[in-house]
Amino acid sequence: MDRLSTMEAFAKVAETQSFSEAARRLRSSKSLVSRQVAALESQLGVRLFQRTTRRLTLTEEGRAYHVQMIRILSEIEEANLSVSATRAAPRGRLRVSAPMSFGLLHLAPVVPRFLARYPEVELDLSLNDRYVDLIDEAFDLSIRVGRLAESSLVARRLAPFRMIMCASPSYLEAHGTPLVPEDLKQHQCLCYSSNSLTPEWRLQRTDGTPWPVPIRGHLHADNGDVLRLAALAGTGIAFLPSFIVGGDLQAAKLVSLLADFVPTDSAIFAVYPTSRHLSPKVRAFIDFMLEHIGPRPHWDLLG
């Protein structure tokens, strides 16, 4: 059997912990992938996987071999790409997932410029607030906001992520201005829908420790733009990303509240699956977004 394809089959089985899934991603058959791994084990004289009816895991020897194999495959791929002129230019279908509000406000306006710069790229942009599994759903890249969960994905920081508590001047004139988080109990809070039965805003004390604050309000929505419009109308207090309300704060249509109690240590990321090489089309999109956003996002220029 071809040595390189056998190495790739082993690496993909180790990554997915499944012969069937490895075969699907390699566009091969389960039987061929199984034969390739068995041949490799026979050649090396060791068992690389521990097989049971429910699980497939690497043995100690398999884990050590996998580390070396990933390095070797990566170097082969880099060598191929370094001499391949056709692969150097961004081209092909690029599937990108992004949150609805961020996508509408900050991706959609610049997509035409990106496509004009890279005419051989076909962009497939999906805007949805649900969690997207990049590998299972075959996305090349996702824009994610806030703290990232532990995963094998590679994350590239694009910009700081700030939450802003805010209300319209008319609301504050009618209901007063909260000075400490406990004051929120007396106010209408515009709630982002979640599975929690008791909505809360995750603030922090002055020493930096977390301070979850229960809130109440007549409006619950699963979209930040809906809450922004309600805040502008004087319906209540909103707690939204600055990339949604930054322009309203700059225009004094909304007023920032309790800024000393809002955490600031978060970011907006471009995340993509671990691979042997960052493809030119993914690299081009990330670099374009960094260029568009700049060192300080325009939505955070509050004064």
Protein backbone atom coordinates (compact mmCIF):
# COMPACT_ATOMS: atom_id res chain seq x y z
CA MET A 1 0.00 0.00 0.00
CA ASP A 2 1.06 3.59 -0.60
CA ARG A 3 3.02 4.68 2.46
CA LEU A 4 1.77 8.29 2.52
CA SER A 5 -1.91 7.34 2.22
CA THR A 6 -1.42 4.76 4.97
CA MET A 7 0.08 7.41 7.24
CA GLU A 8 -2.81 9.75 6.47
CA ALA A 9 -5.33 7.00 7.20
CA PHE A 10 -3.75 6.32 10.60
CA ALA A 11 -3.67 10.03 11.47
CA LYS A 12 -7.32 10.50 10.52
CA VAL A 13 -8.46 7.46 12.53
CA ALA A 14 -6.50 8.77 15.53
CA GLU A 15 -8.12 12.19 15.15
CA THR A 16 -11.71 10.94 14.77
CA GLN A 17 -11.45 7.74 16.87
CA SER A 18 -13.57 6.07 14.20
CA PHE A 19 -12.78 4.07 11.07
CA SER A 20 -16.09 5.08 9.50
CA GLU A 21 -15.61 8.80 10.14
CA ALA A 22 -12.00 8.68 9.00
CA ALA A 23 -13.07 6.99 5.77
CA ARG A 24 -15.76 9.64 5.20
CA ARG A 25 -13.33 12.52 5.62
CA LEU A 26 -10.72 10.82 3.44
CA ARG A 27 -13.38 10.01 0.82
CA SER A 28 -12.37 6.39 1.09
CA SER A 29 -14.02 3.19 2.30
CA LYS A 30 -14.07 1.86 5.84
CA SER A 31 -12.62 -1.47 4.71
CA LEU A 32 -9.66 0.18 2.95
CA VAL A 33 -8.87 2.42 5.92
CA SER A 34 -9.07 -0.60 8.24
CA ARG A 35 -6.68 -2.57 6.00
CA GLN A 36 -4.26 0.38 5.87
CA VAL A 37 -4.11 0.66 9.66
CA ALA A 38 -3.79 -3.12 10.06
CA ALA A 39 -0.93 -3.15 7.53
CA LEU A 40 0.82 -0.34 9.40
CA GLU A 41 0.49 -2.19 12.72
CA SER A 42 1.87 -5.36 11.09
CA GLN A 43 4.78 -3.45 9.60
CA LEU A 44 5.65 -1.77 12.93
CA GLY A 45 5.02 -4.88 14.99
CA VAL A 46 2.92 -3.00 17.56
CA ARG A 47 -0.75 -2.36 18.22
CA LEU A 48 -1.57 1.30 17.60
CA PHE A 49 -5.24 1.20 18.68
CA GLN A 50 -7.11 -0.42 21.52
CA ARG A 51 -10.37 -1.69 20.06
CA THR A 52 -13.56 -2.48 21.96
CA THR A 53 -17.17 -2.78 20.82
CA ARG A 54 -17.80 0.83 21.91
CA ARG A 55 -14.52 2.69 21.71
CA LEU A 56 -11.40 3.06 19.63
CA THR A 57 -8.47 4.65 21.45
CA LEU A 58 -4.75 5.00 20.86
CA THR A 59 -2.39 2.75 22.76
CA GLU A 60 0.67 4.25 24.43
CA GLU A 61 2.71 3.32 21.36
CA GLY A 62 -0.02 4.73 19.15
CA ARG A 63 0.00 8.09 20.94
CA ALA A 64 3.76 8.44 20.59
CA TYR A 65 3.60 7.44 16.92
CA HIS A 66 0.74 9.88 16.28
CA VAL A 67 2.74 12.86 17.57
CA GLN A 68 5.58 12.07 15.17
CA MET A 69 3.21 11.32 12.30
CA ILE A 70 1.43 14.68 12.55
CA ARG A 71 4.77 16.47 12.43
CA ILE A 72 5.89 14.49 9.38
CA LEU A 73 2.63 14.99 7.49
CA SER A 74 2.72 18.68 8.28
CA GLU A 75 6.22 19.01 6.88
CA ILE A 76 5.23 17.13 3.72
CA GLU A 77 2.23 19.39 3.22
CA GLU A 78 4.30 22.52 3.78
CA ALA A 79 6.86 21.29 1.27
CA ASN A 80 4.16 20.62 -1.32
CA LEU A 81 2.55 24.01 -0.80
CA SER A 82 5.84 25.87 -0.95
CA VAL A 83 6.39 24.77 -4.57
CA SER A 84 2.77 24.82 -5.72
CA ALA A 85 1.98 28.12 -7.42
CA THR A 86 -1.64 27.18 -8.01
CA ARG A 87 -2.25 26.61 -4.30
CA ALA A 88 -0.66 29.91 -3.29
CA ALA A 89 -3.58 32.05 -4.46
CA PRO A 90 -6.82 32.01 -2.42
CA ARG A 91 -9.40 30.04 -4.36
CA GLY A 92 -12.28 27.66 -3.97
CA ARG A 93 -15.32 27.53 -1.71
CA LEU A 94 -14.92 29.13 1.72
CA ARG A 95 -17.60 28.26 4.29
CA VAL A 96 -17.79 30.77 7.16
CA SER A 97 -20.11 30.76 10.16
CA ALA A 98 -20.77 33.88 12.26
CA PRO A 99 -23.25 35.17 14.85
CA MET A 100 -26.29 36.83 13.30
CA SER A 101 -25.80 40.40 14.59
CA PHE A 102 -22.04 40.51 14.04
CA GLY A 103 -22.45 39.08 10.57
CA LEU A 104 -25.12 41.55 9.50
CA LEU A 105 -23.37 44.58 10.99
CA HIS A 106 -19.70 43.87 10.31
CA LEU A 107 -19.35 41.08 7.73
CA ALA A 108 -22.10 41.75 5.21
CA PRO A 109 -20.94 45.33 4.45
CA VAL A 110 -17.38 44.23 3.57
CA VAL A 111 -18.09 40.92 1.79
CA PRO A 112 -18.19 42.64 -1.64
CA ARG A 113 -14.71 44.08 -1.08
CA PHE A 114 -13.36 40.68 -0.05
CA LEU A 115 -14.80 38.99 -3.14
CA ALA A 116 -13.51 41.77 -5.38
CA ARG A 117 -10.03 41.27 -3.98
CA TYR A 118 -10.17 37.48 -4.26
CA PRO A 119 -12.34 36.72 -7.32
CA GLU A 120 -11.48 33.02 -7.30
CA VAL A 121 -12.99 32.52 -3.83
CA GLU A 122 -16.63 31.44 -3.52
CA LEU A 123 -17.89 32.58 -0.11
CA ASP A 124 -20.63 30.63 1.66
CA LEU A 125 -21.62 32.73 4.70
CA SER A 126 -23.95 31.26 7.34
CA LEU A 127 -25.32 33.60 10.03
CA ASN A 128 -26.69 31.82 13.08
CA ASP A 129 -26.40 32.28 16.84
CA ARG A 130 -26.30 28.55 17.59
CA TYR A 131 -23.05 26.70 18.28
CA VAL A 132 -21.66 25.31 15.04
CA ASP A 133 -19.49 22.18 14.90
CA LEU A 134 -16.98 23.19 12.25
CA ILE A 135 -15.81 19.68 11.47
CA ASP A 136 -19.15 17.87 11.39
CA GLU A 137 -20.78 20.67 9.40
CA ALA A 138 -17.78 21.21 7.11
CA PHE A 139 -17.13 24.87 7.89
CA ASP A 140 -13.69 26.28 7.16
CA LEU A 141 -13.90 29.02 9.76
CA SER A 142 -16.19 30.52 12.39
CA ILE A 143 -16.38 33.92 14.04
CA ARG A 144 -16.98 33.49 17.79
CA VAL A 145 -17.40 36.07 20.52
CA GLY A 146 -16.62 35.85 24.23
CA ARG A 147 -14.58 33.29 26.08
CA LEU A 148 -13.83 30.13 24.13
CA ALA A 149 -14.43 26.65 25.47
CA GLU A 150 -11.51 24.23 25.50
CA SER A 151 -11.26 22.53 22.12
CA SER A 152 -8.82 21.40 19.45
CA LEU A 153 -9.71 24.40 17.27
CA VAL A 154 -7.13 27.04 16.45
CA ALA A 155 -8.20 30.55 17.55
CA ARG A 156 -6.99 33.86 16.09
CA ARG A 157 -7.91 36.98 18.07
CA LEU A 158 -9.55 39.61 15.87
CA ALA A 159 -10.67 42.27 18.34
CA PRO A 160 -11.55 42.90 21.99
CA PHE A 161 -15.08 41.97 23.00
CA ARG A 162 -16.90 44.36 25.32
CA MET A 163 -20.32 44.05 26.84
CA ILE A 164 -22.12 47.34 27.51
CA MET A 165 -24.99 47.90 29.92
CA CYS A 166 -27.02 50.77 28.55
CA ALA A 167 -30.36 52.53 28.37
CA SER A 168 -31.90 55.47 26.56
CA PRO A 169 -31.87 58.94 28.15
CA SER A 170 -35.67 58.87 28.20
CA TYR A 171 -35.75 55.63 30.19
CA LEU A 172 -33.24 56.94 32.73
CA GLU A 173 -35.12 60.20 33.09
CA ALA A 174 -38.34 58.31 33.83
CA HIS A 175 -36.94 55.53 36.04
CA GLY A 176 -33.62 56.77 37.44
CA THR A 177 -30.05 55.64 36.88
CA PRO A 178 -28.76 52.45 38.58
CA LEU A 179 -25.55 53.17 40.50
CA VAL A 180 -24.76 49.67 41.80
CA PRO A 181 -25.81 46.24 40.48
CA GLU A 182 -28.40 45.78 43.26
CA ASP A 183 -30.31 48.72 41.79
CA LEU A 184 -31.16 46.58 38.74
CA LYS A 185 -33.84 44.84 40.82
CA GLN A 186 -35.91 48.01 40.49
CA HIS A 187 -35.61 48.21 36.70
CA GLN A 188 -36.95 46.60 33.56
CA CYS A 189 -34.08 44.59 32.10
CA LEU A 190 -34.14 43.44 28.49
CA CYS A 191 -33.27 39.74 28.69
CA TYR A 192 -31.40 37.66 26.16
CA SER A 193 -33.27 34.35 25.94
CA SER A 194 -31.52 31.26 27.31
CA ASN A 195 -32.34 27.93 28.84
CA SER A 196 -32.02 29.41 32.33
CA LEU A 197 -35.25 29.79 34.28
CA THR A 198 -33.77 32.72 36.21
CA PRO A 199 -32.05 35.16 33.83
CA GLU A 200 -28.90 36.81 35.13
CA TRP A 201 -26.21 39.18 33.99
CA ARG A 202 -22.64 38.14 34.69
CA LEU A 203 -20.98 41.16 36.23
CA GLN A 204 -17.91 41.40 38.43
CA ARG A 205 -17.09 43.01 41.76
CA THR A 206 -14.50 45.76 41.98
CA ASP A 207 -11.88 43.18 42.97
CA GLY A 208 -12.57 41.22 39.77
CA THR A 209 -14.49 38.30 41.27
CA PRO A 210 -17.60 37.15 39.38
CA TRP A 211 -20.91 38.63 40.45
CA PRO A 212 -23.94 37.03 38.78
CA VAL A 213 -26.91 39.37 39.18
CA PRO A 214 -30.49 38.04 38.74
CA ILE A 215 -32.60 40.27 36.51
CA ARG A 216 -36.24 40.59 35.53
CA GLY A 217 -38.10 42.20 32.68
CA HIS A 218 -41.09 41.98 30.37
CA LEU A 219 -39.09 41.39 27.18
CA HIS A 220 -37.05 38.27 26.38
CA ALA A 221 -35.50 37.79 22.92
CA ASP A 222 -32.87 35.55 21.33
CA ASN A 223 -31.49 38.32 19.13
CA GLY A 224 -29.45 41.33 20.24
CA ASP A 225 -30.82 43.64 17.57
CA VAL A 226 -34.33 43.21 18.98
CA LEU A 227 -33.11 44.19 22.44
CA ARG A 228 -31.20 47.16 21.02
CA LEU A 229 -34.34 48.54 19.38
CA ALA A 230 -36.26 48.08 22.63
CA ALA A 231 -33.56 49.95 24.53
CA LEU A 232 -33.65 52.80 22.03
CA ALA A 233 -37.42 52.98 22.48
CA GLY A 234 -37.02 53.41 26.24
CA THR A 235 -38.40 49.97 27.14
CA GLY A 236 -35.63 49.07 29.58
CA ILE A 237 -31.94 48.45 30.24
CA ALA A 238 -29.98 46.30 27.79
CA PHE A 239 -26.72 44.39 28.23
CA LEU A 240 -25.27 44.00 24.74
CA PRO A 241 -21.96 43.77 22.85
CA SER A 242 -20.37 47.06 21.89
CA PHE A 243 -20.35 45.93 18.25
CA ILE A 244 -24.17 46.20 18.39
CA VAL A 245 -24.63 49.40 20.42
CA GLY A 246 -21.34 51.25 19.85
CA GLY A 247 -22.82 53.57 17.25
CA ASP A 248 -25.78 54.41 19.52
CA LEU A 249 -23.43 55.28 22.37
CA GLN A 250 -21.37 57.50 20.08
CA ALA A 251 -24.56 59.29 18.98
CA ALA A 252 -25.75 59.62 22.60
CA LYS A 253 -28.90 57.66 21.78
CA LEU A 254 -27.91 55.24 24.57
CA VAL A 255 -26.04 55.85 27.81
CA SER A 256 -23.49 53.43 29.29
CA LEU A 257 -24.25 52.17 32.84
CA LEU A 258 -22.31 50.43 35.63
CA ALA A 259 -19.13 50.23 33.50
CA ASP A 260 -16.98 49.46 36.57
CA PHE A 261 -18.87 46.21 37.09
CA VAL A 262 -18.70 44.86 33.53
CA PRO A 263 -15.94 42.30 32.72
CA THR A 264 -13.61 43.34 29.90
CA ASP A 265 -11.27 40.34 29.46
CA SER A 266 -12.79 38.78 26.38
CA ALA A 267 -12.41 38.91 22.60
CA ILE A 268 -13.78 38.18 19.16
CA PHE A 269 -12.02 35.24 17.51
CA ALA A 270 -11.71 33.55 14.16
CA VAL A 271 -11.53 29.83 14.85
CA TYR A 272 -10.74 27.04 12.44
CA PRO A 273 -10.00 23.31 12.68
CA THR A 274 -6.50 22.11 13.38
CA SER A 275 -4.98 21.07 10.09
CA ARG A 276 -1.64 20.43 8.55
CA HIS A 277 -1.77 23.78 6.79
CA LEU A 278 -3.77 26.98 7.01
CA SER A 279 -5.24 27.21 3.52
CA PRO A 280 -4.70 30.42 1.52
CA LYS A 281 -8.43 31.17 1.42
CA VAL A 282 -8.78 30.95 5.23
CA ARG A 283 -5.63 32.99 5.78
CA ALA A 284 -6.86 35.61 3.30
CA PHE A 285 -10.22 35.94 5.08
CA ILE A 286 -8.62 36.30 8.53
CA ASP A 287 -6.11 38.86 7.27
CA PHE A 288 -8.89 40.77 5.53
CA MET A 289 -10.96 40.90 8.74
CA LEU A 290 -7.97 42.11 10.75
CA GLU A 291 -7.42 44.82 8.16
CA HIS A 292 -11.09 45.82 8.23
CA ILE A 293 -11.40 45.89 12.02
CA GLY A 294 -8.03 47.53 12.62
CA PRO A 295 -6.07 47.72 15.90
CA ARG A 296 -9.09 49.31 17.61
CA PRO A 297 -12.60 48.52 16.36
CA HIS A 298 -14.58 51.54 15.17
CA TRP A 299 -17.55 50.43 17.29
CA ASP A 300 -15.43 50.90 20.43
CA LEU A 301 -14.38 54.47 19.64
CA LEU A 302 -16.56 56.02 22.30
CA GLY A 303 -14.60 59.18 22.91
